[in-house]
Amino acid sequence: MKKILLFFLLFPVVCWGQYTQIPDGVFEQYLINLGIDTEGIHDGQVLTDDIDHITSLQMSPVFPEVDPLIQDLTGIEDFVSLESLRFGSNAVVNVDLSQNTQLKTLVCKFNALESLDVSNNLLLEAIDAANCLPGLCPNTNTFTSIDLSANVNLESVFIPRSHLTTIDLSNNPNIDQIFLLDSQDLQSIIVDNGNNLAIEIFRVTNVPSLVCIQVDDPAAATAGDTFPYDQWEIDDGVIFSDDCSLGTNEYLLKNSLVSPNPTNGSIEISLPSGVQLKGWSILDLQGRELLSGEAETASLTKLPSGIYLLVVETNVGSLAKKVMRY
C-alpha cells in the first residue's frame, strides 16, 4: 500500500479533458478571438468544457467580401446552452441545430443554406434568414421550405428575398412580426393561428407570385379596415381565404357566382373581394369563341338556346363554368 501511495505522489495523475472537433479554421479562429477556446491554438478542436456553458455566439464578418468566411459549423452541437446564435454573412451550407435546444434567437442571414431544420428548437423566438438584395452578397440561402410547426414560442420571422414557395405559421400563436417582402417565389402564406390580432407587423410586398393568404377572418382581412389587417402591408390582388390549399382555380370556382344560370338573356359575374375581372369569353362546346367582354354582365341574348362555356379571366387566374341559355 505504501508503494502505491508513493507512486501517485511521484507521478501526478493527468486528467484529459473532452474535446469537440471544430474542423473549420475560421470557426475556430472566432472562438479564439472571443476567448472561448482557452487553448488559443489552431488544432481543429476545442475543450468541450469551454463551450458547453456559452449562451451567446456572434460570428459575423465585418467585410464579407474579403474576410474569411465560415463554411462548416460542425461542433456547434456541443454549445448546448446556446440561446443566441448569429452567424450572418458567412458561407454555411448546412447546420445541425438539433442539440441546441435552448436556442431563442437565430440569425443565419446572407449564407448559403440549402436547408434549415429548427424542429428541435422549441424555445425559438426569433429567426432571421434573409437574403441580400441581388448582387450585394457573395452567398444566398436557397432553401425552399421551412417547418416552423414545432416553434410555438416564435415571435418574429424575418426572411425577405427568400426562395420559399409557401410558409405555414398556423401553429405559431405568439407571432407578432412577419417580414417576407421581395420573395419572388412565394405563392401562399398560412397564418390562421387563432391570434391574428397579435400580428402588428406584416410586410409582404413585392411578392408577385403570392396568390393566397390564409387568415383567421378572411372577410375582415379582405375589407382591410380593421385591426390588425389595416396595418398589414400586402400587394394588391392577393386573396384572403380560410383554405389556401384549394389553389387559385378551385378558390375562384368555390367563391365566385354566375347567375342566373340557366338564363334567358344575361348573366352577372360576381367575384370574391379583392379579385379583379379582366375579361370573359363565351365558347361553344367545341371551344370556339362566340362572345367576349370586360363588363360584369355577359349577355347571351344573341345566342340560340343551348349549353355554353363561360371563361372568366381575373388578376389572380381564370375560371370556367358551364352556362345554359333557354
C-alpha atoms as a PDB file:
ATOM      1  CA  MET A   1       0.000   0.000   0.000  1.00  0.00           C
ATOM      2  CA  LYS A   2       2.858   2.393   0.827  1.00  0.00           C
ATOM      3  CA  LYS A   3       4.429   1.680  -2.595  1.00  0.00           C
ATOM      4  CA  ILE A   4       1.178   2.531  -4.378  1.00  0.00           C
ATOM      5  CA  LEU A   5       0.826   5.771  -2.431  1.00  0.00           C
ATOM      6  CA  LEU A   6       4.421   6.706  -3.220  1.00  0.00           C
ATOM      7  CA  PHE A   7       3.772   6.089  -6.939  1.00  0.00           C
ATOM      8  CA  PHE A   8       0.888   8.593  -7.050  1.00  0.00           C
ATOM      9  CA  LEU A   9       2.903  11.150  -5.123  1.00  0.00           C
ATOM     10  CA  LEU A  10       5.817  10.908  -7.541  1.00  0.00           C
ATOM     11  CA  PHE A  11       3.653  10.709 -10.715  1.00  0.00           C
ATOM     12  CA  PRO A  12       0.671  13.074 -10.574  1.00  0.00           C
ATOM     13  CA  VAL A  13      -2.464  11.886 -12.325  1.00  0.00           C
ATOM     14  CA  VAL A  14      -3.093  13.574 -15.689  1.00  0.00           C
ATOM     15  CA  CYS A  15      -6.798  14.173 -16.461  1.00  0.00           C
ATOM     16  CA  TRP A  16      -7.556  14.561 -20.150  1.00  0.00           C
ATOM     17  CA  GLY A  17     -10.471  16.852 -20.931  1.00  0.00           C
ATOM     18  CA  GLN A  18     -13.095  16.018 -23.535  1.00  0.00           C
ATOM     19  CA  TYR A  19     -12.717  17.772 -26.875  1.00  0.00           C
ATOM     20  CA  THR A  20     -15.180  18.924 -29.519  1.00  0.00           C
ATOM     21  CA  GLN A  21     -13.978  18.827 -33.114  1.00  0.00           C
ATOM     22  CA  ILE A  22     -14.015  22.182 -34.949  1.00  0.00           C
ATOM     23  CA  PRO A  23     -12.824  21.333 -38.478  1.00  0.00           C
ATOM     24  CA  ASP A  24     -13.478  24.818 -39.921  1.00  0.00           C
ATOM     25  CA  GLY A  25     -10.467  27.039 -39.225  1.00  0.00           C
ATOM     26  CA  VAL A  26     -12.434  30.271 -39.498  1.00  0.00           C
ATOM     27  CA  PHE A  27     -14.970  28.999 -36.962  1.00  0.00           C
ATOM     28  CA  GLU A  28     -12.149  28.085 -34.588  1.00  0.00           C
ATOM     29  CA  GLN A  29     -10.489  31.480 -35.060  1.00  0.00           C
ATOM     30  CA  TYR A  30     -13.710  33.174 -33.924  1.00  0.00           C
ATOM     31  CA  LEU A  31     -13.656  31.007 -30.792  1.00  0.00           C
ATOM     32  CA  ILE A  32     -10.036  32.001 -30.157  1.00  0.00           C
ATOM     33  CA  ASN A  33     -10.707  35.701 -30.754  1.00  0.00           C
ATOM     34  CA  LEU A  34     -13.720  35.599 -28.424  1.00  0.00           C
ATOM     35  CA  GLY A  35     -11.638  33.977 -25.704  1.00  0.00           C
ATOM     36  CA  ILE A  36     -13.807  30.866 -25.757  1.00  0.00           C
ATOM     37  CA  ASP A  37     -11.089  28.479 -26.957  1.00  0.00           C
ATOM     38  CA  THR A  38      -8.834  28.772 -23.914  1.00  0.00           C
ATOM     39  CA  GLU A  39      -6.015  26.814 -25.559  1.00  0.00           C
ATOM     40  CA  GLY A  40      -5.697  29.583 -28.126  1.00  0.00           C
ATOM     41  CA  ILE A  41      -4.149  27.430 -30.844  1.00  0.00           C
ATOM     42  CA  HIS A  42      -5.358  26.161 -34.201  1.00  0.00           C
ATOM     43  CA  ASP A  43      -5.666  22.429 -33.708  1.00  0.00           C
ATOM     44  CA  GLY A  44      -9.156  21.692 -35.078  1.00  0.00           C
ATOM     45  CA  GLN A  45     -10.679  21.213 -31.661  1.00  0.00           C
ATOM     46  CA  VAL A  46     -11.815  22.979 -28.515  1.00  0.00           C
ATOM     47  CA  LEU A  47     -12.316  21.788 -24.966  1.00  0.00           C
ATOM     48  CA  THR A  48     -15.975  20.897 -24.552  1.00  0.00           C
ATOM     49  CA  ASP A  49     -15.835  22.493 -21.105  1.00  0.00           C
ATOM     50  CA  ASP A  50     -15.000  25.784 -22.846  1.00  0.00           C
ATOM     51  CA  ILE A  51     -18.206  25.812 -24.875  1.00  0.00           C
ATOM     52  CA  ASP A  52     -20.974  23.887 -23.139  1.00  0.00           C
ATOM     53  CA  HIS A  53     -21.911  26.887 -20.949  1.00  0.00           C
ATOM     54  CA  ILE A  54     -21.785  29.603 -23.649  1.00  0.00           C
ATOM     55  CA  THR A  55     -25.184  31.305 -24.091  1.00  0.00           C
ATOM     56  CA  SER A  56     -24.409  33.770 -26.895  1.00  0.00           C
ATOM     57  CA  LEU A  57     -22.260  33.445 -30.001  1.00  0.00           C
ATOM     58  CA  GLN A  58     -21.724  36.181 -32.588  1.00  0.00           C
ATOM     59  CA  MET A  59     -19.670  35.227 -35.651  1.00  0.00           C
ATOM     60  CA  SER A  60     -20.355  37.642 -38.491  1.00  0.00           C
ATOM     61  CA  PRO A  61     -17.539  39.120 -40.596  1.00  0.00           C
ATOM     62  CA  VAL A  62     -17.186  42.882 -40.874  1.00  0.00           C
ATOM     63  CA  PHE A  63     -16.290  42.748 -44.577  1.00  0.00           C
ATOM     64  CA  PRO A  64     -17.736  39.506 -46.018  1.00  0.00           C
ATOM     65  CA  GLU A  65     -16.445  40.326 -49.496  1.00  0.00           C
ATOM     66  CA  VAL A  66     -12.824  39.970 -48.351  1.00  0.00           C
ATOM     67  CA  ASP A  67     -12.844  38.435 -44.851  1.00  0.00           C
ATOM     68  CA  PRO A  68     -12.543  34.648 -44.409  1.00  0.00           C
ATOM     69  CA  LEU A  69     -15.979  33.027 -44.113  1.00  0.00           C
ATOM     70  CA  ILE A  70     -17.211  30.100 -42.070  1.00  0.00           C
ATOM     71  CA  GLN A  71     -18.287  27.209 -44.281  1.00  0.00           C
ATOM     72  CA  ASP A  72     -18.706  24.428 -41.724  1.00  0.00           C
ATOM     73  CA  LEU A  73     -20.314  24.804 -38.276  1.00  0.00           C
ATOM     74  CA  THR A  74     -19.557  21.263 -37.149  1.00  0.00           C
ATOM     75  CA  GLY A  75     -19.104  21.424 -33.394  1.00  0.00           C
ATOM     76  CA  ILE A  76     -21.965  23.854 -32.813  1.00  0.00           C
ATOM     77  CA  GLU A  77     -23.982  20.915 -31.479  1.00  0.00           C
ATOM     78  CA  ASP A  78     -21.885  20.897 -28.260  1.00  0.00           C
ATOM     79  CA  PHE A  79     -22.864  24.505 -27.474  1.00  0.00           C
ATOM     80  CA  VAL A  80     -25.782  23.025 -25.543  1.00  0.00           C
ATOM     81  CA  SER A  81     -26.525  26.184 -23.502  1.00  0.00           C
ATOM     82  CA  LEU A  82     -26.637  28.484 -26.516  1.00  0.00           C
ATOM     83  CA  GLU A  83     -29.578  30.900 -26.503  1.00  0.00           C
ATOM     84  CA  SER A  84     -28.433  33.306 -29.224  1.00  0.00           C
ATOM     85  CA  LEU A  85     -26.582  32.209 -32.370  1.00  0.00           C
ATOM     86  CA  ARG A  86     -25.618  34.767 -35.010  1.00  0.00           C
ATOM     87  CA  PHE A  87     -23.501  33.763 -37.990  1.00  0.00           C
ATOM     88  CA  GLY A  88     -24.775  36.079 -40.712  1.00  0.00           C
ATOM     89  CA  SER A  89     -22.793  36.871 -43.880  1.00  0.00           C
ATOM     90  CA  ASN A  90     -20.862  33.599 -43.970  1.00  0.00           C
ATOM     91  CA  ALA A  91     -20.917  30.644 -46.404  1.00  0.00           C
ATOM     92  CA  VAL A  92     -22.575  27.916 -44.343  1.00  0.00           C
ATOM     93  CA  VAL A  93     -24.418  25.358 -46.470  1.00  0.00           C
ATOM     94  CA  ASN A  94     -25.789  23.085 -43.729  1.00  0.00           C
ATOM     95  CA  VAL A  95     -26.010  23.421 -39.957  1.00  0.00           C
ATOM     96  CA  ASP A  96     -27.065  20.921 -37.282  1.00  0.00           C
ATOM     97  CA  LEU A  97     -29.017  22.725 -34.550  1.00  0.00           C
ATOM     98  CA  SER A  98     -30.727  19.646 -33.155  1.00  0.00           C
ATOM     99  CA  GLN A  99     -28.742  19.729 -29.899  1.00  0.00           C
ATOM    100  CA  ASN A 100     -29.119  23.480 -29.325  1.00  0.00           C
ATOM    101  CA  THR A 101     -32.407  23.073 -27.508  1.00  0.00           C
ATOM    102  CA  GLN A 102     -32.043  26.330 -25.534  1.00  0.00           C
ATOM    103  CA  LEU A 103     -31.816  28.451 -28.679  1.00  0.00           C
ATOM    104  CA  LYS A 104     -34.095  31.509 -28.714  1.00  0.00           C
ATOM    105  CA  THR A 105     -32.543  33.738 -31.380  1.00  0.00           C
ATOM    106  CA  LEU A 106     -31.148  32.521 -34.705  1.00  0.00           C
ATOM    107  CA  VAL A 107     -29.549  34.884 -37.226  1.00  0.00           C
ATOM    108  CA  CYS A 108     -28.318  32.999 -40.284  1.00  0.00           C
ATOM    109  CA  LYS A 109     -28.942  35.630 -42.951  1.00  0.00           C
ATOM    110  CA  PHE A 110     -26.741  36.056 -46.031  1.00  0.00           C
ATOM    111  CA  ASN A 111     -25.382  32.485 -46.009  1.00  0.00           C
ATOM    112  CA  ALA A 112     -25.609  29.595 -48.481  1.00  0.00           C
ATOM    113  CA  LEU A 113     -28.041  27.387 -46.585  1.00  0.00           C
ATOM    114  CA  GLU A 114     -29.612  24.679 -48.708  1.00  0.00           C
ATOM    115  CA  SER A 115     -31.876  23.584 -45.854  1.00  0.00           C
ATOM    116  CA  LEU A 116     -32.754  24.798 -42.381  1.00  0.00           C
ATOM    117  CA  ASP A 117     -34.130  22.485 -39.698  1.00  0.00           C
ATOM    118  CA  VAL A 118     -35.292  24.143 -36.468  1.00  0.00           C
ATOM    119  CA  SER A 119     -37.784  21.451 -35.498  1.00  0.00           C
ATOM    120  CA  ASN A 120     -35.893  20.660 -32.285  1.00  0.00           C
ATOM    121  CA  ASN A 121     -35.502  24.288 -31.195  1.00  0.00           C
ATOM    122  CA  LEU A 122     -38.746  24.501 -29.268  1.00  0.00           C
ATOM    123  CA  LEU A 123     -37.802  27.725 -27.442  1.00  0.00           C
ATOM    124  CA  LEU A 124     -37.001  29.656 -30.625  1.00  0.00           C
ATOM    125  CA  GLU A 125     -38.465  33.180 -30.558  1.00  0.00           C
ATOM    126  CA  ALA A 126     -36.820  34.953 -33.498  1.00  0.00           C
ATOM    127  CA  ILE A 127     -35.365  33.829 -36.808  1.00  0.00           C
ATOM    128  CA  ASP A 128     -33.542  35.943 -39.397  1.00  0.00           C
ATOM    129  CA  ALA A 129     -32.687  34.000 -42.548  1.00  0.00           C
ATOM    130  CA  ALA A 130     -32.812  36.892 -45.004  1.00  0.00           C
ATOM    131  CA  ASN A 131     -31.064  37.221 -48.320  1.00  0.00           C
ATOM    132  CA  CYS A 132     -29.335  40.348 -49.605  1.00  0.00           C
ATOM    133  CA  LEU A 133     -30.508  42.486 -52.450  1.00  0.00           C
ATOM    134  CA  PRO A 134     -29.273  40.838 -55.679  1.00  0.00           C
ATOM    135  CA  GLY A 135     -25.552  41.302 -56.222  1.00  0.00           C
ATOM    136  CA  LEU A 136     -24.751  42.714 -52.788  1.00  0.00           C
ATOM    137  CA  CYS A 137     -23.745  39.489 -51.001  1.00  0.00           C
ATOM    138  CA  PRO A 138     -21.466  36.668 -52.128  1.00  0.00           C
ATOM    139  CA  ASN A 139     -23.877  33.947 -50.944  1.00  0.00           C
ATOM    140  CA  THR A 140     -27.600  33.183 -50.961  1.00  0.00           C
ATOM    141  CA  ASN A 141     -29.755  30.974 -48.771  1.00  0.00           C
ATOM    142  CA  THR A 142     -31.507  28.700 -51.263  1.00  0.00           C
ATOM    143  CA  PHE A 143     -33.791  26.587 -49.070  1.00  0.00           C
ATOM    144  CA  THR A 144     -37.318  26.444 -50.498  1.00  0.00           C
ATOM    145  CA  SER A 145     -39.210  25.268 -47.419  1.00  0.00           C
ATOM    146  CA  ILE A 146     -39.044  25.553 -43.648  1.00  0.00           C
ATOM    147  CA  ASP A 147     -41.067  23.733 -40.986  1.00  0.00           C
ATOM    148  CA  LEU A 148     -41.925  26.037 -38.081  1.00  0.00           C
ATOM    149  CA  SER A 149     -44.779  23.965 -36.685  1.00  0.00           C
ATOM    150  CA  ALA A 150     -42.836  22.987 -33.551  1.00  0.00           C
ATOM    151  CA  ASN A 151     -41.725  26.543 -32.749  1.00  0.00           C
ATOM    152  CA  VAL A 152     -44.786  27.587 -30.760  1.00  0.00           C
ATOM    153  CA  ASN A 153     -42.852  30.379 -28.992  1.00  0.00           C
ATOM    154  CA  LEU A 154     -41.890  32.057 -32.258  1.00  0.00           C
ATOM    155  CA  GLU A 155     -42.486  35.809 -32.258  1.00  0.00           C
ATOM    156  CA  SER A 156     -40.527  37.170 -35.227  1.00  0.00           C
ATOM    157  CA  VAL A 157     -39.934  35.769 -38.723  1.00  0.00           C
ATOM    158  CA  PHE A 158     -37.602  37.800 -40.916  1.00  0.00           C
ATOM    159  CA  ILE A 159     -36.990  36.036 -44.258  1.00  0.00           C
ATOM    160  CA  PRO A 160     -37.142  38.663 -47.035  1.00  0.00           C
ATOM    161  CA  ARG A 161     -35.947  37.780 -50.540  1.00  0.00           C
ATOM    162  CA  SER A 162     -36.355  34.094 -49.771  1.00  0.00           C
ATOM    163  CA  HIS A 163     -36.818  31.155 -52.148  1.00  0.00           C
ATOM    164  CA  LEU A 164     -39.781  29.844 -50.151  1.00  0.00           C
ATOM    165  CA  THR A 165     -42.865  28.836 -52.113  1.00  0.00           C
ATOM    166  CA  THR A 166     -45.097  28.673 -49.048  1.00  0.00           C
ATOM    167  CA  ILE A 167     -44.770  29.233 -45.305  1.00  0.00           C
ATOM    168  CA  ASP A 168     -47.069  27.852 -42.622  1.00  0.00           C
ATOM    169  CA  LEU A 169     -47.320  29.896 -39.407  1.00  0.00           C
ATOM    170  CA  SER A 170     -50.632  28.447 -38.245  1.00  0.00           C
ATOM    171  CA  ASN A 171     -49.042  26.815 -35.202  1.00  0.00           C
ATOM    172  CA  ASN A 172     -47.306  29.994 -34.010  1.00  0.00           C
ATOM    173  CA  PRO A 173     -49.846  31.825 -31.819  1.00  0.00           C
ATOM    174  CA  ASN A 174     -47.276  34.236 -30.355  1.00  0.00           C
ATOM    175  CA  ILE A 175     -46.002  35.621 -33.640  1.00  0.00           C
ATOM    176  CA  ASP A 176     -46.202  39.392 -33.963  1.00  0.00           C
ATOM    177  CA  GLN A 177     -43.737  40.270 -36.737  1.00  0.00           C
ATOM    178  CA  ILE A 178     -43.583  38.785 -40.245  1.00  0.00           C
ATOM    179  CA  PHE A 179     -41.221  40.076 -42.933  1.00  0.00           C
ATOM    180  CA  LEU A 180     -41.358  38.209 -46.270  1.00  0.00           C
ATOM    181  CA  LEU A 181     -41.021  41.057 -48.734  1.00  0.00           C
ATOM    182  CA  ASP A 182     -39.288  40.727 -52.129  1.00  0.00           C
ATOM    183  CA  SER A 183     -39.770  36.938 -52.157  1.00  0.00           C
ATOM    184  CA  GLN A 184     -40.275  36.201 -55.831  1.00  0.00           C
ATOM    185  CA  ASP A 185     -41.305  32.524 -55.477  1.00  0.00           C
ATOM    186  CA  LEU A 186     -43.722  32.820 -52.550  1.00  0.00           C
ATOM    187  CA  GLN A 187     -47.230  31.682 -53.505  1.00  0.00           C
ATOM    188  CA  SER A 188     -49.097  31.257 -50.234  1.00  0.00           C
ATOM    189  CA  ILE A 189     -48.847  32.173 -46.546  1.00  0.00           C
ATOM    190  CA  ILE A 190     -50.735  30.193 -43.913  1.00  0.00           C
ATOM    191  CA  VAL A 191     -51.238  32.359 -40.851  1.00  0.00           C
ATOM    192  CA  ASP A 192     -54.620  31.343 -39.404  1.00  0.00           C
ATOM    193  CA  ASN A 193     -53.066  30.838 -35.966  1.00  0.00           C
ATOM    194  CA  GLY A 194     -56.101  31.871 -33.921  1.00  0.00           C
ATOM    195  CA  ASN A 195     -54.364  35.061 -32.840  1.00  0.00           C
ATOM    196  CA  ASN A 196     -54.054  37.337 -35.878  1.00  0.00           C
ATOM    197  CA  LEU A 197     -54.748  40.255 -33.540  1.00  0.00           C
ATOM    198  CA  ALA A 198     -51.186  39.896 -32.234  1.00  0.00           C
ATOM    199  CA  ILE A 199     -49.585  40.337 -35.678  1.00  0.00           C
ATOM    200  CA  GLU A 200     -48.784  44.045 -35.647  1.00  0.00           C
ATOM    201  CA  ILE A 201     -46.152  43.957 -38.411  1.00  0.00           C
ATOM    202  CA  PHE A 202     -46.879  42.030 -41.615  1.00  0.00           C
ATOM    203  CA  ARG A 203     -44.724  43.151 -44.535  1.00  0.00           C
ATOM    204  CA  VAL A 204     -45.149  41.090 -47.659  1.00  0.00           C
ATOM    205  CA  THR A 205     -44.729  43.486 -50.566  1.00  0.00           C
ATOM    206  CA  ASN A 206     -43.143  42.996 -53.988  1.00  0.00           C
ATOM    207  CA  VAL A 207     -44.145  39.338 -53.969  1.00  0.00           C
ATOM    208  CA  PRO A 208     -45.560  38.878 -57.499  1.00  0.00           C
ATOM    209  CA  SER A 209     -46.296  35.146 -57.160  1.00  0.00           C
ATOM    210  CA  LEU A 210     -48.316  35.489 -53.941  1.00  0.00           C
ATOM    211  CA  VAL A 211     -51.900  34.396 -54.563  1.00  0.00           C
ATOM    212  CA  CYS A 212     -53.409  33.490 -51.209  1.00  0.00           C
ATOM    213  CA  ILE A 213     -53.045  34.296 -47.503  1.00  0.00           C
ATOM    214  CA  GLN A 214     -54.902  32.016 -45.101  1.00  0.00           C
ATOM    215  CA  VAL A 215     -56.108  34.073 -42.130  1.00  0.00           C
ATOM    216  CA  ASP A 216     -58.394  33.874 -39.106  1.00  0.00           C
ATOM    217  CA  ASP A 217     -61.007  36.210 -40.608  1.00  0.00           C
ATOM    218  CA  PRO A 218     -60.940  36.335 -44.437  1.00  0.00           C
ATOM    219  CA  ALA A 219     -63.804  38.840 -44.637  1.00  0.00           C
ATOM    220  CA  ALA A 220     -62.121  41.318 -42.284  1.00  0.00           C
ATOM    221  CA  ALA A 221     -58.757  40.863 -43.998  1.00  0.00           C
ATOM    222  CA  THR A 222     -60.339  41.477 -47.395  1.00  0.00           C
ATOM    223  CA  ALA A 223     -62.070  44.634 -46.158  1.00  0.00           C
ATOM    224  CA  GLY A 224     -58.766  45.755 -44.641  1.00  0.00           C
ATOM    225  CA  ASP A 225     -60.267  48.455 -42.459  1.00  0.00           C
ATOM    226  CA  THR A 226     -59.984  46.872 -39.002  1.00  0.00           C
ATOM    227  CA  PHE A 227     -57.003  45.994 -36.830  1.00  0.00           C
ATOM    228  CA  PRO A 228     -54.699  44.226 -37.439  1.00  0.00           C
ATOM    229  CA  TYR A 229     -55.425  43.816 -41.127  1.00  0.00           C
ATOM    230  CA  ASP A 230     -55.458  47.555 -41.740  1.00  0.00           C
ATOM    231  CA  GLN A 231     -51.794  47.615 -40.637  1.00  0.00           C
ATOM    232  CA  TRP A 232     -50.624  44.811 -42.906  1.00  0.00           C
ATOM    233  CA  GLU A 233     -48.543  45.741 -45.962  1.00  0.00           C
ATOM    234  CA  ILE A 234     -49.512  43.487 -48.862  1.00  0.00           C
ATOM    235  CA  ASP A 235     -49.574  43.809 -52.652  1.00  0.00           C
ATOM    236  CA  ASP A 236     -52.946  44.411 -54.327  1.00  0.00           C
ATOM    237  CA  GLY A 237     -54.814  41.445 -55.731  1.00  0.00           C
ATOM    238  CA  VAL A 238     -53.927  38.886 -53.062  1.00  0.00           C
ATOM    239  CA  ILE A 239     -56.752  36.585 -51.945  1.00  0.00           C
ATOM    240  CA  PHE A 240     -57.602  36.111 -48.270  1.00  0.00           C
ATOM    241  CA  SER A 241     -59.096  32.701 -47.559  1.00  0.00           C
ATOM    242  CA  ASP A 242     -59.726  30.139 -44.852  1.00  0.00           C
ATOM    243  CA  ASP A 243     -58.291  27.432 -47.126  1.00  0.00           C
ATOM    244  CA  CYS A 244     -55.400  28.351 -49.421  1.00  0.00           C
ATOM    245  CA  SER A 245     -54.858  24.672 -50.224  1.00  0.00           C
ATOM    246  CA  LEU A 246     -57.684  24.906 -52.750  1.00  0.00           C
ATOM    247  CA  GLY A 247     -55.453  26.619 -55.278  1.00  0.00           C
ATOM    248  CA  THR A 248     -56.471  29.614 -57.370  1.00  0.00           C
ATOM    249  CA  ASN A 249     -58.862  27.890 -59.758  1.00  0.00           C
ATOM    250  CA  GLU A 250     -60.628  25.947 -57.021  1.00  0.00           C
ATOM    251  CA  TYR A 251     -60.883  29.073 -54.889  1.00  0.00           C
ATOM    252  CA  LEU A 252     -62.444  31.073 -57.713  1.00  0.00           C
ATOM    253  CA  LEU A 253     -64.897  28.295 -58.523  1.00  0.00           C
ATOM    254  CA  LYS A 254     -65.913  27.990 -54.873  1.00  0.00           C
ATOM    255  CA  ASN A 255     -66.283  31.716 -54.187  1.00  0.00           C
ATOM    256  CA  SER A 256     -67.488  33.161 -57.494  1.00  0.00           C
ATOM    257  CA  LEU A 257     -71.131  33.466 -58.516  1.00  0.00           C
ATOM    258  CA  VAL A 258     -72.542  33.330 -62.043  1.00  0.00           C
ATOM    259  CA  SER A 259     -76.269  34.000 -62.036  1.00  0.00           C
ATOM    260  CA  PRO A 260     -78.899  33.430 -63.102  1.00  0.00           C
ATOM    261  CA  ASN A 261     -77.917  30.079 -64.561  1.00  0.00           C
ATOM    262  CA  PRO A 262     -79.843  28.933 -66.583  1.00  0.00           C
ATOM    263  CA  THR A 263     -80.661  32.308 -68.116  1.00  0.00           C
ATOM    264  CA  ASN A 264     -82.909  33.617 -70.831  1.00  0.00           C
ATOM    265  CA  GLY A 265     -80.634  36.544 -71.601  1.00  0.00           C
ATOM    266  CA  SER A 266     -77.847  37.906 -69.378  1.00  0.00           C
ATOM    267  CA  ILE A 267     -75.729  36.621 -66.526  1.00  0.00           C
ATOM    268  CA  GLU A 268     -73.959  38.530 -63.772  1.00  0.00           C
ATOM    269  CA  ILE A 269     -70.390  37.664 -62.797  1.00  0.00           C
ATOM    270  CA  SER A 270     -69.642  38.167 -59.090  1.00  0.00           C
ATOM    271  CA  LEU A 271     -66.063  37.576 -57.896  1.00  0.00           C
ATOM    272  CA  PRO A 272     -64.583  37.399 -54.372  1.00  0.00           C
ATOM    273  CA  SER A 273     -63.481  40.680 -52.812  1.00  0.00           C
ATOM    274  CA  GLY A 274     -60.016  41.665 -53.984  1.00  0.00           C
ATOM    275  CA  VAL A 275     -60.302  39.707 -57.235  1.00  0.00           C
ATOM    276  CA  GLN A 276     -60.488  41.906 -60.303  1.00  0.00           C
ATOM    277  CA  LEU A 277     -62.275  40.964 -63.518  1.00  0.00           C
ATOM    278  CA  LYS A 278     -60.079  41.299 -66.602  1.00  0.00           C
ATOM    279  CA  GLY A 279     -62.474  39.872 -69.165  1.00  0.00           C
ATOM    280  CA  TRP A 280     -64.728  36.978 -70.169  1.00  0.00           C
ATOM    281  CA  SER A 281     -65.462  34.797 -73.170  1.00  0.00           C
ATOM    282  CA  ILE A 282     -68.387  32.609 -74.179  1.00  0.00           C
ATOM    283  CA  LEU A 283     -67.351  29.435 -76.005  1.00  0.00           C
ATOM    284  CA  ASP A 284     -69.383  26.708 -77.644  1.00  0.00           C
ATOM    285  CA  LEU A 285     -68.720  23.116 -76.613  1.00  0.00           C
ATOM    286  CA  GLN A 286     -66.215  22.785 -79.471  1.00  0.00           C
ATOM    287  CA  GLY A 287     -64.115  25.573 -77.934  1.00  0.00           C
ATOM    288  CA  ARG A 288     -64.937  28.275 -80.461  1.00  0.00           C
ATOM    289  CA  GLU A 289     -65.265  31.793 -79.069  1.00  0.00           C
ATOM    290  CA  LEU A 290     -68.682  33.298 -79.702  1.00  0.00           C
ATOM    291  CA  LEU A 291     -68.744  36.365 -77.447  1.00  0.00           C
ATOM    292  CA  SER A 292     -66.340  38.312 -75.250  1.00  0.00           C
ATOM    293  CA  GLY A 293     -66.369  41.322 -72.978  1.00  0.00           C
ATOM    294  CA  GLU A 294     -64.949  43.053 -69.912  1.00  0.00           C
ATOM    295  CA  ALA A 295     -68.096  44.126 -68.040  1.00  0.00           C
ATOM    296  CA  GLU A 296     -69.535  42.196 -65.103  1.00  0.00           C
ATOM    297  CA  THR A 297     -72.618  41.399 -67.190  1.00  0.00           C
ATOM    298  CA  ALA A 298     -72.467  38.941 -70.085  1.00  0.00           C
ATOM    299  CA  SER A 299     -75.412  38.980 -72.480  1.00  0.00           C
ATOM    300  CA  LEU A 300     -76.375  35.725 -74.221  1.00  0.00           C
ATOM    301  CA  THR A 301     -79.432  37.158 -75.963  1.00  0.00           C
ATOM    302  CA  LYS A 302     -77.879  36.770 -79.434  1.00  0.00           C
ATOM    303  CA  LEU A 303     -77.179  33.084 -78.899  1.00  0.00           C
ATOM    304  CA  PRO A 304     -79.614  30.246 -79.522  1.00  0.00           C
ATOM    305  CA  SER A 305     -80.744  28.021 -76.679  1.00  0.00           C
ATOM    306  CA  GLY A 306     -78.079  25.585 -75.568  1.00  0.00           C
ATOM    307  CA  ILE A 307     -75.159  24.942 -73.242  1.00  0.00           C
ATOM    308  CA  TYR A 308     -72.048  27.121 -73.416  1.00  0.00           C
ATOM    309  CA  LEU A 309     -68.770  27.575 -71.546  1.00  0.00           C
ATOM    310  CA  LEU A 310     -68.109  30.854 -69.734  1.00  0.00           C
ATOM    311  CA  VAL A 311     -64.379  31.536 -69.235  1.00  0.00           C
ATOM    312  CA  VAL A 312     -63.604  34.360 -66.804  1.00  0.00           C
ATOM    313  CA  GLU A 313     -60.118  35.909 -66.594  1.00  0.00           C
ATOM    314  CA  THR A 314     -59.066  37.649 -63.371  1.00  0.00           C
ATOM    315  CA  ASN A 315     -55.947  39.218 -61.930  1.00  0.00           C
ATOM    316  CA  VAL A 316     -55.196  36.005 -59.995  1.00  0.00           C
ATOM    317  CA  GLY A 317     -56.205  33.356 -62.511  1.00  0.00           C
ATOM    318  CA  SER A 318     -59.139  32.077 -64.511  1.00  0.00           C
ATOM    319  CA  LEU A 319     -62.260  30.002 -64.035  1.00  0.00           C
ATOM    320  CA  ALA A 320     -64.586  28.198 -66.407  1.00  0.00           C
ATOM    321  CA  LYS A 321     -68.259  27.358 -65.827  1.00  0.00           C
ATOM    322  CA  LYS A 322     -70.958  25.854 -67.984  1.00  0.00           C
ATOM    323  CA  VAL A 323     -73.977  28.121 -68.526  1.00  0.00           C
ATOM    324  CA  MET A 324     -77.311  27.380 -70.112  1.00  0.00           C
ATOM    325  CA  ARG A 325     -79.335  29.654 -72.401  1.00  0.00           C
ATOM    326  CA  TYR A 326     -83.012  28.650 -72.656  1.00  0.00           C
END
